[in-house]
Each structure stands twice: as C-alpha cells, then as structure tokens.
C-alpha cells in the first residue's frame, strides 16, 4: 500500500497500523515500548499480521550471508 492510503492510517477496530515498524521488529531493533506496541497490534490486526508474515523470515535469510557477501 502506498503511504497515505486510508487503510494505512488504521481503523477504529485496530488503531494505527504498524507496517512501517515491521522491518525493525523482525530484526529486534525496536525500543521495548515500540516492540510491545507492535505485538499488541499484531494480535488484533489481520492486515498487519499478513504483512508481518511476509517479512518474518528476513533475519533467517540474512543469516545466510557473511560480511563479505554484503560488501
């Protein structure tokens, strides 16, 4: 979805969506309060849950590379 789409702003049911935070979330790079916000949101938002599933494997895939591969 493009930035600014109404669905990115959230709904009365699940509040603001957390898609912009998912990359940092799967890499363990969020502050504890942001991490909790994502966890709480994912528990009740199917669209964000689906987006999470799309990026959940990234840390495992990145682990296949060594430093030389990334330079």
N, C-alpha and C. Protein backbone atom coordinates (compact mmCIF):
# COMPACT_ATOMS: atom_id res chain seq x y z
N UNK A 1 0.82 -1.19 0.00
CA UNK A 1 0.00 0.00 0.00
C UNK A 1 0.86 1.24 0.00
N UNK A 2 0.41 2.25 -0.65
CA UNK A 2 1.16 3.49 -0.73
C UNK A 2 1.00 4.29 0.55
N UNK A 3 2.01 5.07 0.86
CA UNK A 3 1.90 5.94 2.03
C UNK A 3 0.71 6.85 1.85
N UNK A 4 -0.02 7.05 2.91
CA UNK A 4 -1.15 7.96 2.87
C UNK A 4 -2.46 7.30 2.53
N UNK A 5 -2.46 6.01 2.14
CA UNK A 5 -3.72 5.33 1.91
C UNK A 5 -4.50 5.28 3.20
N UNK A 6 -5.80 5.38 3.10
CA UNK A 6 -6.65 5.41 4.29
C UNK A 6 -6.44 4.16 5.13
N UNK A 7 -6.18 3.00 4.50
CA UNK A 7 -6.02 1.77 5.26
C UNK A 7 -4.74 1.77 6.07
N UNK A 8 -3.74 2.56 5.69
CA UNK A 8 -2.51 2.64 6.47
C UNK A 8 -2.71 3.44 7.74
N UNK A 9 -3.71 4.29 7.78
CA UNK A 9 -3.94 5.14 8.94
C UNK A 9 -4.59 4.38 10.09
N UNK A 10 -5.11 3.19 9.81
CA UNK A 10 -5.74 2.40 10.85
C UNK A 10 -7.25 2.53 10.78
N UNK A 11 -7.89 1.78 11.62
CA UNK A 11 -9.34 1.81 11.70
C UNK A 11 -9.71 1.92 13.16
N UNK A 12 -11.00 2.14 13.40
CA UNK A 12 -11.48 2.21 14.78
C UNK A 12 -11.24 0.89 15.50
N UNK A 13 -11.19 -0.22 14.74
CA UNK A 13 -11.03 -1.54 15.34
C UNK A 13 -9.61 -1.80 15.83
N UNK A 14 -8.60 -1.35 15.09
CA UNK A 14 -7.24 -1.76 15.46
C UNK A 14 -6.26 -0.61 15.61
N UNK A 15 -6.67 0.61 15.47
CA UNK A 15 -5.77 1.74 15.67
C UNK A 15 -4.78 1.90 14.54
N UNK A 16 -3.79 2.76 14.72
CA UNK A 16 -2.80 2.98 13.66
C UNK A 16 -2.03 1.70 13.36
N UNK A 17 -1.85 1.45 12.08
CA UNK A 17 -1.13 0.25 11.66
C UNK A 17 0.36 0.38 11.96
N UNK A 18 1.04 -0.76 12.02
CA UNK A 18 2.44 -0.79 12.42
C UNK A 18 3.36 -1.26 11.29
N UNK A 19 2.86 -1.29 10.07
CA UNK A 19 3.68 -1.78 8.96
C UNK A 19 5.04 -1.11 8.86
N UNK A 20 5.15 0.21 9.06
CA UNK A 20 6.49 0.83 8.97
C UNK A 20 7.49 0.31 10.01
N UNK A 21 7.00 -0.29 11.08
CA UNK A 21 7.87 -0.79 12.14
C UNK A 21 8.24 -2.27 11.99
N UNK A 22 7.63 -2.96 11.04
CA UNK A 22 7.80 -4.41 10.97
C UNK A 22 9.22 -4.84 10.65
N UNK A 23 9.92 -4.12 9.78
CA UNK A 23 11.30 -4.47 9.46
C UNK A 23 12.17 -4.43 10.70
N UNK A 24 12.07 -3.35 11.44
CA UNK A 24 12.86 -3.22 12.68
C UNK A 24 12.39 -4.24 13.71
N UNK A 25 11.11 -4.54 13.73
CA UNK A 25 10.57 -5.51 14.69
C UNK A 25 11.18 -6.90 14.46
N UNK A 26 11.18 -7.37 13.22
CA UNK A 26 11.71 -8.71 12.96
C UNK A 26 13.21 -8.79 13.19
N UNK A 27 13.90 -7.66 13.10
CA UNK A 27 15.34 -7.64 13.35
C UNK A 27 15.67 -7.40 14.82
N UNK A 28 14.64 -7.20 15.66
CA UNK A 28 14.87 -6.96 17.09
C UNK A 28 15.46 -5.60 17.37
N UNK A 29 15.15 -4.62 16.52
CA UNK A 29 15.78 -3.31 16.64
C UNK A 29 14.87 -2.23 17.22
N UNK A 30 13.73 -2.61 17.74
CA UNK A 30 12.82 -1.62 18.31
C UNK A 30 13.08 -1.42 19.79
N UNK A 31 12.76 -0.24 20.26
CA UNK A 31 12.76 0.02 21.70
C UNK A 31 11.66 -0.84 22.33
N UNK A 32 11.81 -1.18 23.61
CA UNK A 32 10.82 -2.06 24.25
C UNK A 32 9.37 -1.59 24.12
N UNK A 33 9.15 -0.28 24.24
CA UNK A 33 7.76 0.22 24.14
C UNK A 33 7.22 0.10 22.72
N UNK A 34 8.07 0.27 21.71
CA UNK A 34 7.64 0.08 20.33
C UNK A 34 7.39 -1.39 20.04
N UNK A 35 8.24 -2.25 20.57
CA UNK A 35 8.08 -3.68 20.40
C UNK A 35 6.73 -4.13 20.96
N UNK A 36 6.40 -3.66 22.14
CA UNK A 36 5.12 -4.01 22.75
C UNK A 36 3.96 -3.49 21.92
N UNK A 37 4.09 -2.29 21.38
CA UNK A 37 3.05 -1.73 20.52
C UNK A 37 2.80 -2.62 19.30
N UNK A 38 3.88 -3.10 18.69
CA UNK A 38 3.75 -3.97 17.53
C UNK A 38 3.09 -5.29 17.92
N UNK A 39 3.56 -5.91 19.00
CA UNK A 39 2.99 -7.18 19.45
C UNK A 39 1.50 -7.03 19.71
N UNK A 40 1.12 -6.00 20.44
CA UNK A 40 -0.29 -5.78 20.76
C UNK A 40 -1.12 -5.56 19.50
N UNK A 41 -0.57 -4.80 18.56
CA UNK A 41 -1.30 -4.51 17.34
C UNK A 41 -1.46 -5.76 16.48
N UNK A 42 -0.39 -6.54 16.34
CA UNK A 42 -0.45 -7.74 15.51
C UNK A 42 -1.48 -8.74 16.02
N UNK A 43 -1.71 -8.74 17.32
CA UNK A 43 -2.68 -9.67 17.91
C UNK A 43 -4.10 -9.41 17.41
N UNK A 44 -4.38 -8.19 16.96
CA UNK A 44 -5.75 -7.88 16.57
C UNK A 44 -5.93 -7.33 15.18
N UNK A 45 -4.88 -7.33 14.35
CA UNK A 45 -4.99 -6.72 13.02
C UNK A 45 -4.53 -7.71 11.95
N UNK A 46 -5.47 -8.27 11.24
CA UNK A 46 -5.14 -9.25 10.20
C UNK A 46 -4.28 -8.68 9.08
N UNK A 47 -4.55 -7.46 8.58
CA UNK A 47 -3.69 -6.94 7.51
C UNK A 47 -2.23 -6.76 7.95
N UNK A 48 -2.01 -6.28 9.15
CA UNK A 48 -0.63 -6.13 9.64
C UNK A 48 -0.02 -7.50 9.94
N UNK A 49 -0.83 -8.43 10.40
CA UNK A 49 -0.35 -9.78 10.63
C UNK A 49 0.12 -10.42 9.33
N UNK A 50 -0.62 -10.19 8.25
CA UNK A 50 -0.21 -10.72 6.95
C UNK A 50 1.08 -10.06 6.47
N UNK A 51 1.21 -8.76 6.69
CA UNK A 51 2.45 -8.05 6.32
C UNK A 51 3.62 -8.56 7.14
N UNK A 52 3.39 -8.86 8.41
CA UNK A 52 4.43 -9.42 9.27
C UNK A 52 4.92 -10.76 8.72
N UNK A 53 3.99 -11.61 8.31
CA UNK A 53 4.38 -12.92 7.78
C UNK A 53 5.26 -12.79 6.54
N UNK A 54 5.07 -11.72 5.78
CA UNK A 54 5.89 -11.50 4.58
C UNK A 54 7.34 -11.19 4.93
N UNK A 55 7.59 -10.60 6.08
CA UNK A 55 8.96 -10.19 6.44
C UNK A 55 9.55 -11.00 7.59
N UNK A 56 8.79 -11.90 8.17
CA UNK A 56 9.23 -12.64 9.35
C UNK A 56 10.48 -13.48 9.10
N UNK A 57 10.69 -13.94 7.88
CA UNK A 57 11.82 -14.80 7.56
C UNK A 57 13.11 -14.03 7.25
N UNK A 58 13.04 -12.71 7.18
CA UNK A 58 14.21 -11.91 6.80
C UNK A 58 15.43 -12.18 7.68
N UNK A 59 15.32 -12.22 9.00
CA UNK A 59 16.52 -12.48 9.81
C UNK A 59 17.19 -13.82 9.45
N UNK A 60 16.40 -14.84 9.20
CA UNK A 60 16.96 -16.14 8.82
C UNK A 60 17.67 -16.07 7.48
N UNK A 61 17.10 -15.34 6.56
CA UNK A 61 17.73 -15.19 5.25
C UNK A 61 19.01 -14.38 5.34
N UNK A 62 19.00 -13.32 6.12
CA UNK A 62 20.20 -12.51 6.30
C UNK A 62 21.33 -13.31 6.95
N UNK A 63 20.96 -14.24 7.80
CA UNK A 63 21.98 -15.05 8.48
C UNK A 63 22.76 -15.94 7.51
N UNK A 64 22.23 -16.15 6.33
CA UNK A 64 22.92 -16.96 5.33
C UNK A 64 24.11 -16.24 4.71
N UNK A 65 24.17 -14.93 4.86
CA UNK A 65 25.24 -14.13 4.29
C UNK A 65 26.33 -13.89 5.33
N UNK A 66 27.56 -13.77 4.85
CA UNK A 66 28.61 -13.31 5.74
C UNK A 66 28.97 -11.87 5.35
N UNK A 67 29.84 -11.27 6.11
CA UNK A 67 30.16 -9.86 5.91
C UNK A 67 30.66 -9.58 4.48
N UNK A 68 31.46 -10.46 3.93
CA UNK A 68 31.99 -10.28 2.57
C UNK A 68 30.89 -10.25 1.52
N UNK A 69 29.82 -11.02 1.74
CA UNK A 69 28.70 -11.03 0.81
C UNK A 69 27.99 -9.69 0.76
N UNK A 70 28.02 -8.97 1.86
CA UNK A 70 27.27 -7.72 1.97
C UNK A 70 28.07 -6.49 1.58
N UNK A 71 29.35 -6.64 1.31
CA UNK A 71 30.19 -5.51 0.95
C UNK A 71 30.24 -5.31 -0.54
